[in-house]
PDB file of all heavy atoms in Angstrom:
ATOM      1  N   LYS A   1      57.289 -48.347   7.133  1.00  0.00           N
ATOM      2  CA  LYS A   1      58.334 -48.880   8.004  1.00  0.00           C
ATOM      3  C   LYS A   1      59.572 -49.235   7.182  1.00  0.00           C
ATOM      4  O   LYS A   1      59.502 -49.974   6.206  1.00  0.00           O
ATOM      5  CB  LYS A   1      57.821 -50.123   8.741  1.00  0.00           C
ATOM      6  CG  LYS A   1      58.701 -50.605   9.881  1.00  0.00           C
ATOM      7  CD  LYS A   1      58.651 -49.631  11.066  1.00  0.00           C
ATOM      8  CE  LYS A   1      59.353 -50.178  12.294  1.00  0.00           C
ATOM      9  NZ  LYS A   1      58.458 -50.975  13.135  1.00  0.00           N
ATOM     10  N   ASN A   2      60.709 -48.670   7.596  1.00  0.00           N
ATOM     11  CA  ASN A   2      62.023 -48.872   6.967  1.00  0.00           C
ATOM     12  C   ASN A   2      62.139 -48.257   5.574  1.00  0.00           C
ATOM     13  O   ASN A   2      63.146 -48.461   4.890  1.00  0.00           O
ATOM     14  CB  ASN A   2      62.390 -50.359   6.914  1.00  0.00           C
ATOM     15  CG  ASN A   2      62.518 -50.966   8.292  1.00  0.00           C
ATOM     16  OD1 ASN A   2      63.026 -50.324   9.215  1.00  0.00           O
ATOM     17  ND2 ASN A   2      62.038 -52.189   8.461  1.00  0.00           N
ATOM     18  N   GLY A   3      61.108 -47.501   5.158  1.00  0.00           N
ATOM     19  CA  GLY A   3      61.214 -46.746   3.912  1.00  0.00           C
ATOM     20  C   GLY A   3      61.977 -45.455   4.136  1.00  0.00           C
ATOM     21  O   GLY A   3      62.302 -45.078   5.268  1.00  0.00           O
ATOM     22  N   ALA A   4      62.279 -44.746   3.045  1.00  0.00           N
ATOM     23  CA  ALA A   4      63.112 -43.547   3.114  1.00  0.00           C
ATOM     24  C   ALA A   4      62.317 -42.290   2.795  1.00  0.00           C
ATOM     25  O   ALA A   4      61.546 -42.255   1.826  1.00  0.00           O
ATOM     26  CB  ALA A   4      64.277 -43.673   2.137  1.00  0.00           C
ATOM     27  N   PHE A   5      62.512 -41.262   3.602  1.00  0.00           N
ATOM     28  CA  PHE A   5      62.021 -39.927   3.302  1.00  0.00           C
ATOM     29  C   PHE A   5      63.207 -39.090   2.814  1.00  0.00           C
ATOM     30  O   PHE A   5      64.303 -39.166   3.380  1.00  0.00           O
ATOM     31  CB  PHE A   5      61.402 -39.274   4.534  1.00  0.00           C
ATOM     32  CG  PHE A   5      60.061 -39.840   4.921  1.00  0.00           C
ATOM     33  CD1 PHE A   5      59.964 -40.804   5.910  1.00  0.00           C
ATOM     34  CD2 PHE A   5      58.902 -39.406   4.286  1.00  0.00           C
ATOM     35  CE1 PHE A   5      58.732 -41.333   6.273  1.00  0.00           C
ATOM     36  CE2 PHE A   5      57.669 -39.937   4.643  1.00  0.00           C
ATOM     37  CZ  PHE A   5      57.578 -40.902   5.629  1.00  0.00           C
ATOM     38  N   VAL A   6      62.986 -38.310   1.773  1.00  0.00           N
ATOM     39  CA  VAL A   6      64.023 -37.446   1.219  1.00  0.00           C
ATOM     40  C   VAL A   6      63.492 -36.024   1.124  1.00  0.00           C
ATOM     41  O   VAL A   6      62.380 -35.796   0.636  1.00  0.00           O
ATOM     42  CB  VAL A   6      64.473 -37.911  -0.185  1.00  0.00           C
ATOM     43  CG1 VAL A   6      65.491 -36.935  -0.774  1.00  0.00           C
ATOM     44  CG2 VAL A   6      65.069 -39.313  -0.112  1.00  0.00           C
ATOM     45  N   CYS A   7      64.267 -35.068   1.608  1.00  0.00           N
ATOM     46  CA  CYS A   7      63.896 -33.663   1.595  1.00  0.00           C
ATOM     47  C   CYS A   7      64.593 -32.976   0.423  1.00  0.00           C
ATOM     48  O   CYS A   7      65.826 -32.905   0.388  1.00  0.00           O
ATOM     49  CB  CYS A   7      64.339 -33.021   2.903  1.00  0.00           C
ATOM     50  SG  CYS A   7      63.227 -31.790   3.546  1.00  0.00           S
ATOM     51  N   PHE A   8      63.826 -32.483  -0.546  1.00  0.00           N
ATOM     52  CA  PHE A   8      64.388 -31.758  -1.677  1.00  0.00           C
ATOM     53  C   PHE A   8      64.285 -30.261  -1.414  1.00  0.00           C
ATOM     54  O   PHE A   8      63.186 -29.711  -1.327  1.00  0.00           O
ATOM     55  CB  PHE A   8      63.662 -32.134  -2.967  1.00  0.00           C
ATOM     56  CG  PHE A   8      63.975 -33.520  -3.451  1.00  0.00           C
ATOM     57  CD1 PHE A   8      63.062 -34.552  -3.273  1.00  0.00           C
ATOM     58  CD2 PHE A   8      65.177 -33.796  -4.071  1.00  0.00           C
ATOM     59  CE1 PHE A   8      63.344 -35.838  -3.711  1.00  0.00           C
ATOM     60  CE2 PHE A   8      65.476 -35.083  -4.513  1.00  0.00           C
ATOM     61  CZ  PHE A   8      64.561 -36.105  -4.330  1.00  0.00           C
ATOM     62  N   HIS A   9      65.435 -29.620  -1.332  1.00  0.00           N
ATOM     63  CA  HIS A   9      65.517 -28.205  -0.991  1.00  0.00           C
ATOM     64  C   HIS A   9      65.089 -27.313  -2.140  1.00  0.00           C
ATOM     65  O   HIS A   9      64.665 -26.169  -1.935  1.00  0.00           O
ATOM     66  CB  HIS A   9      66.967 -27.884  -0.576  1.00  0.00           C
ATOM     67  CG  HIS A   9      67.126 -26.624   0.184  1.00  0.00           C
ATOM     68  ND1 HIS A   9      68.190 -25.776   0.003  1.00  0.00           N
ATOM     69  CD2 HIS A   9      66.364 -26.057   1.152  1.00  0.00           C
ATOM     70  CE1 HIS A   9      68.092 -24.752   0.821  1.00  0.00           C
ATOM     71  NE2 HIS A   9      66.997 -24.902   1.525  1.00  0.00           N
ATOM     72  N   GLY A  10      65.190 -27.782  -3.376  1.00  0.00           N
ATOM     73  CA  GLY A  10      64.741 -27.036  -4.540  1.00  0.00           C
ATOM     74  C   GLY A  10      65.870 -26.498  -5.397  1.00  0.00           C
ATOM     75  O   GLY A  10      66.978 -26.258  -4.934  1.00  0.00           O
ATOM     76  N   SER A  11      65.569 -26.302  -6.673  1.00  0.00           N
ATOM     77  CA  SER A  11      66.580 -25.924  -7.658  1.00  0.00           C
ATOM     78  C   SER A  11      66.639 -24.422  -7.885  1.00  0.00           C
ATOM     79  O   SER A  11      65.726 -23.674  -7.527  1.00  0.00           O
ATOM     80  CB  SER A  11      66.275 -26.614  -8.986  1.00  0.00           C
ATOM     81  OG  SER A  11      65.076 -26.083  -9.547  1.00  0.00           O
ATOM     82  N   TRP A  12      67.731 -24.005  -8.540  1.00  0.00           N
ATOM     83  CA  TRP A  12      67.882 -22.615  -8.968  1.00  0.00           C
ATOM     84  C   TRP A  12      68.312 -22.520 -10.431  1.00  0.00           C
ATOM     85  O   TRP A  12      68.283 -21.443 -11.020  1.00  0.00           O
ATOM     86  CB  TRP A  12      68.917 -21.893  -8.094  1.00  0.00           C
ATOM     87  CG  TRP A  12      70.291 -22.524  -8.146  1.00  0.00           C
ATOM     88  CD1 TRP A  12      70.757 -23.516  -7.320  1.00  0.00           C
ATOM     89  CD2 TRP A  12      71.360 -22.244  -9.045  1.00  0.00           C
ATOM     90  NE1 TRP A  12      72.044 -23.872  -7.662  1.00  0.00           N
ATOM     91  CE2 TRP A  12      72.445 -23.089  -8.725  1.00  0.00           C
ATOM     92  CE3 TRP A  12      71.514 -21.347 -10.112  1.00  0.00           C
ATOM     93  CZ2 TRP A  12      73.661 -23.085  -9.425  1.00  0.00           C
ATOM     94  CZ3 TRP A  12      72.726 -21.346 -10.809  1.00  0.00           C
ATOM     95  CH2 TRP A  12      73.775 -22.199 -10.457  1.00  0.00           C
ATOM     96  N   ASN A  13      68.713 -23.638 -11.029  1.00  0.00           N
ATOM     97  CA  ASN A  13      69.367 -23.588 -12.338  1.00  0.00           C
ATOM     98  C   ASN A  13      68.798 -24.598 -13.323  1.00  0.00           C
ATOM     99  O   ASN A  13      69.532 -25.311 -13.983  1.00  0.00           O
ATOM    100  CB  ASN A  13      70.873 -23.813 -12.168  1.00  0.00           C
ATOM    101  CG  ASN A  13      71.200 -25.114 -11.461  1.00  0.00           C
ATOM    102  OD1 ASN A  13      70.345 -25.740 -10.854  1.00  0.00           O
ATOM    103  ND2 ASN A  13      72.441 -25.526 -11.540  1.00  0.00           N
ATOM    104  N   ARG A  14      67.462 -24.623 -13.445  1.00  0.00           N
ATOM    105  CA  ARG A  14      66.832 -25.525 -14.410  1.00  0.00           C
ATOM    106  C   ARG A  14      66.275 -24.782 -15.631  1.00  0.00           C
ATOM    107  O   ARG A  14      65.520 -25.349 -16.418  1.00  0.00           O
ATOM    108  CB  ARG A  14      65.721 -26.329 -13.729  1.00  0.00           C
ATOM    109  CG  ARG A  14      66.262 -27.448 -12.850  1.00  0.00           C
ATOM    110  CD  ARG A  14      65.132 -28.184 -12.126  1.00  0.00           C
ATOM    111  NE  ARG A  14      64.118 -28.684 -13.035  1.00  0.00           N
ATOM    112  CZ  ARG A  14      64.200 -29.848 -13.674  1.00  0.00           C
ATOM    113  NH1 ARG A  14      65.257 -30.636 -13.507  1.00  0.00           N
ATOM    114  NH2 ARG A  14      63.226 -30.229 -14.480  1.00  0.00           N
ATOM    115  N   ALA A  15      66.616 -23.527 -15.796  1.00  0.00           N
ATOM    116  CA  ALA A  15      66.156 -22.790 -16.977  1.00  0.00           C
ATOM    117  C   ALA A  15      66.713 -23.457 -18.241  1.00  0.00           C
ATOM    118  O   ALA A  15      67.850 -23.948 -18.221  1.00  0.00           O
ATOM    119  CB  ALA A  15      66.628 -21.339 -16.896  1.00  0.00           C
ATOM    120  N   PRO A  16      65.916 -23.514 -19.297  1.00  0.00           N
ATOM    121  CA  PRO A  16      64.620 -22.850 -19.531  1.00  0.00           C
ATOM    122  C   PRO A  16      63.419 -23.637 -19.015  1.00  0.00           C
ATOM    123  O   PRO A  16      62.287 -23.235 -19.241  1.00  0.00           O
ATOM    124  CB  PRO A  16      64.569 -22.753 -21.056  1.00  0.00           C
ATOM    125  CG  PRO A  16      65.254 -24.013 -21.503  1.00  0.00           C
ATOM    126  CD  PRO A  16      66.393 -24.207 -20.520  1.00  0.00           C
ATOM    127  N   LEU A  17      63.646 -24.762 -18.349  1.00  0.00           N
ATOM    128  CA  LEU A  17      62.551 -25.529 -17.765  1.00  0.00           C
ATOM    129  C   LEU A  17      62.163 -24.927 -16.423  1.00  0.00           C
ATOM    130  O   LEU A  17      62.864 -24.080 -15.869  1.00  0.00           O
ATOM    131  CB  LEU A  17      62.966 -26.989 -17.586  1.00  0.00           C
ATOM    132  CG  LEU A  17      63.491 -27.712 -18.833  1.00  0.00           C
ATOM    133  CD1 LEU A  17      63.779 -29.171 -18.505  1.00  0.00           C
ATOM    134  CD2 LEU A  17      62.515 -27.593 -19.992  1.00  0.00           C
ATOM    135  N   LYS A  18      61.029 -25.378 -15.908  1.00  0.00           N
ATOM    136  CA  LYS A  18      60.587 -24.903 -14.594  1.00  0.00           C
ATOM    137  C   LYS A  18      61.530 -25.405 -13.514  1.00  0.00           C
ATOM    138  O   LYS A  18      62.110 -26.485 -13.626  1.00  0.00           O
ATOM    139  CB  LYS A  18      59.166 -25.389 -14.312  1.00  0.00           C
ATOM    140  CG  LYS A  18      58.108 -24.774 -15.221  1.00  0.00           C
ATOM    141  CD  LYS A  18      56.727 -25.336 -14.901  1.00  0.00           C
ATOM    142  CE  LYS A  18      55.673 -24.727 -15.824  1.00  0.00           C
ATOM    143  NZ  LYS A  18      54.320 -25.263 -15.525  1.00  0.00           N
ATOM    144  N   GLN A  19      61.650 -24.617 -12.464  1.00  0.00           N
ATOM    145  CA  GLN A  19      62.432 -25.067 -11.321  1.00  0.00           C
ATOM    146  C   GLN A  19      61.727 -26.274 -10.684  1.00  0.00           C
ATOM    147  O   GLN A  19      60.535 -26.503 -10.917  1.00  0.00           O
ATOM    148  CB  GLN A  19      62.610 -23.939 -10.305  1.00  0.00           C
ATOM    149  CG  GLN A  19      63.316 -22.714 -10.861  1.00  0.00           C
ATOM    150  CD  GLN A  19      64.705 -23.009 -11.390  1.00  0.00           C
ATOM    151  OE1 GLN A  19      65.348 -23.973 -10.982  1.00  0.00           O
ATOM    152  NE2 GLN A  19      65.172 -22.190 -12.309  1.00  0.00           N
ATOM    153  N   GLY A  20      62.445 -27.044  -9.886  1.00  0.00           N
ATOM    154  CA  GLY A  20      61.865 -28.259  -9.330  1.00  0.00           C
ATOM    155  C   GLY A  20      62.404 -28.576  -7.950  1.00  0.00           C
ATOM    156  O   GLY A  20      63.373 -27.975  -7.477  1.00  0.00           O
ATOM    157  N   GLY A  21      61.776 -29.535  -7.314  1.00  0.00           N
ATOM    158  CA  GLY A  21      62.127 -29.885  -5.943  1.00  0.00           C
ATOM    159  C   GLY A  21      61.124 -29.264  -4.986  1.00  0.00           C
ATOM    160  O   GLY A  21      59.925 -29.263  -5.254  1.00  0.00           O
ATOM    161  N   TYR A  22      61.580 -28.766  -3.854  1.00  0.00           N
ATOM    162  CA  TYR A  22      60.726 -28.072  -2.882  1.00  0.00           C
ATOM    163  C   TYR A  22      59.619 -28.983  -2.345  1.00  0.00           C
ATOM    164  O   TYR A  22      58.481 -28.551  -2.162  1.00  0.00           O
ATOM    165  CB  TYR A  22      60.112 -26.808  -3.494  1.00  0.00           C
ATOM    166  CG  TYR A  22      61.121 -25.842  -4.058  1.00  0.00           C
ATOM    167  CD1 TYR A  22      61.493 -25.897  -5.398  1.00  0.00           C
ATOM    168  CD2 TYR A  22      61.720 -24.881  -3.245  1.00  0.00           C
ATOM    169  CE1 TYR A  22      62.435 -25.031  -5.923  1.00  0.00           C
ATOM    170  CE2 TYR A  22      62.667 -23.996  -3.766  1.00  0.00           C
ATOM    171  CZ  TYR A  22      63.018 -24.080  -5.101  1.00  0.00           C
ATOM    172  OH  TYR A  22      63.947 -23.216  -5.623  1.00  0.00           O
ATOM    173  N   PHE A  23      59.944 -30.247  -2.100  1.00  0.00           N
ATOM    174  CA  PHE A  23      58.951 -31.159  -1.535  1.00  0.00           C
ATOM    175  C   PHE A  23      59.674 -32.281  -0.783  1.00  0.00           C
ATOM    176  O   PHE A  23      60.892 -32.422  -0.869  1.00  0.00           O
ATOM    177  CB  PHE A  23      58.029 -31.729  -2.621  1.00  0.00           C
ATOM    178  CG  PHE A  23      58.667 -32.731  -3.553  1.00  0.00           C
ATOM    179  CD1 PHE A  23      58.435 -34.093  -3.388  1.00  0.00           C
ATOM    180  CD2 PHE A  23      59.483 -32.320  -4.602  1.00  0.00           C
ATOM    181  CE1 PHE A  23      59.007 -35.027  -4.253  1.00  0.00           C
ATOM    182  CE2 PHE A  23      60.056 -33.243  -5.472  1.00  0.00           C
ATOM    183  CZ  PHE A  23      59.817 -34.597  -5.294  1.00  0.00           C
ATOM    184  N   VAL A  24      58.913 -33.056  -0.033  1.00  0.00           N
ATOM    185  CA  VAL A  24      59.433 -34.229   0.665  1.00  0.00           C
ATOM    186  C   VAL A  24      58.887 -35.464  -0.031  1.00  0.00           C
ATOM    187  O   VAL A  24      57.679 -35.586  -0.248  1.00  0.00           O
ATOM    188  CB  VAL A  24      59.032 -34.229   2.152  1.00  0.00           C
ATOM    189  CG1 VAL A  24      59.503 -35.521   2.841  1.00  0.00           C
ATOM    190  CG2 VAL A  24      59.620 -33.021   2.868  1.00  0.00           C
ATOM    191  N   ALA A  25      59.787 -36.372  -0.391  1.00  0.00           N
ATOM    192  CA  ALA A  25      59.406 -37.609  -1.071  1.00  0.00           C
ATOM    193  C   ALA A  25      59.463 -38.784  -0.109  1.00  0.00           C
ATOM    194  O   ALA A  25      60.216 -38.762   0.868  1.00  0.00           O
ATOM    195  CB  ALA A  25      60.335 -37.874  -2.253  1.00  0.00           C
ATOM    196  N   PHE A  26      58.670 -39.806  -0.406  1.00  0.00           N
ATOM    197  CA  PHE A  26      58.777 -41.085   0.297  1.00  0.00           C
ATOM    198  C   PHE A  26      59.115 -42.165  -0.715  1.00  0.00           C
ATOM    199  O   PHE A  26      58.560 -42.190  -1.819  1.00  0.00           O
ATOM    200  CB  PHE A  26      57.491 -41.462   1.020  1.00  0.00           C
ATOM    201  CG  PHE A  26      57.531 -42.863   1.574  1.00  0.00           C
ATOM    202  CD1 PHE A  26      58.318 -43.150   2.691  1.00  0.00           C
ATOM    203  CD2 PHE A  26      56.837 -43.902   0.962  1.00  0.00           C
ATOM    204  CE1 PHE A  26      58.395 -44.453   3.178  1.00  0.00           C
ATOM    205  CE2 PHE A  26      56.911 -45.193   1.452  1.00  0.00           C
ATOM    206  CZ  PHE A  26      57.695 -45.470   2.570  1.00  0.00           C
ATOM    207  N   ILE A  27      60.025 -43.070  -0.321  1.00  0.00           N
ATOM    208  CA  ILE A  27      60.453 -44.169  -1.188  1.00  0.00           C
ATOM    209  C   ILE A  27      60.319 -45.474  -0.414  1.00  0.00           C
ATOM    210  O   ILE A  27      61.001 -45.667   0.600  1.00  0.00           O
ATOM    211  CB  ILE A  27      61.910 -43.979  -1.629  1.00  0.00           C
ATOM    212  CG1 ILE A  27      62.078 -42.637  -2.337  1.00  0.00           C
ATOM    213  CG2 ILE A  27      62.351 -45.123  -2.540  1.00  0.00           C
ATOM    214  CD1 ILE A  27      63.477 -42.101  -2.294  1.00  0.00           C
ATOM    215  N   PRO A  28      59.444 -46.385  -0.836  1.00  0.00           N
ATOM    216  CA  PRO A  28      59.336 -47.682  -0.157  1.00  0.00           C
ATOM    217  C   PRO A  28      60.593 -48.510  -0.412  1.00  0.00           C
ATOM    218  O   PRO A  28      61.195 -48.445  -1.486  1.00  0.00           O
ATOM    219  CB  PRO A  28      58.104 -48.311  -0.799  1.00  0.00           C
ATOM    220  CG  PRO A  28      58.024 -47.683  -2.160  1.00  0.00           C
ATOM    221  CD  PRO A  28      58.534 -46.284  -2.003  1.00  0.00           C
ATOM    222  N   PHE A  29      61.006 -49.270   0.597  1.00  0.00           N
ATOM    223  CA  PHE A  29      62.208 -50.098   0.494  1.00  0.00           C
ATOM    224  C   PHE A  29      61.868 -51.562   0.720  1.00  0.00           C
ATOM    225  O   PHE A  29      60.976 -51.899   1.505  1.00  0.00           O
ATOM    226  CB  PHE A  29      63.247 -49.659   1.531  1.00  0.00           C
ATOM    227  CG  PHE A  29      64.304 -48.746   0.978  1.00  0.00           C
ATOM    228  CD1 PHE A  29      63.959 -47.515   0.462  1.00  0.00           C
ATOM    229  CD2 PHE A  29      65.644 -49.119   0.966  1.00  0.00           C
ATOM    230  CE1 PHE A  29      64.917 -46.658  -0.062  1.00  0.00           C
ATOM    231  CE2 PHE A  29      66.616 -48.282   0.443  1.00  0.00           C
ATOM    232  CZ  PHE A  29      66.252 -47.043  -0.067  1.00  0.00           C
ATOM    233  N   GLY A  30      62.612 -52.424   0.034  1.00  0.00           N
ATOM    234  CA  GLY A  30      62.480 -53.855   0.228  1.00  0.00           C
ATOM    235  C   GLY A  30      63.509 -54.380   1.201  1.00  0.00           C
ATOM    236  O   GLY A  30      64.386 -53.648   1.684  1.00  0.00           O
TER     237      GLY A  30
END
């Protein structure tokens, strides 16, 4: 309740590391 959901669409430019994102996060709020 009253926490935040964030939609990460995903990266294209994190080379030479792995790409990242592509998930939905939840963040509890005070």
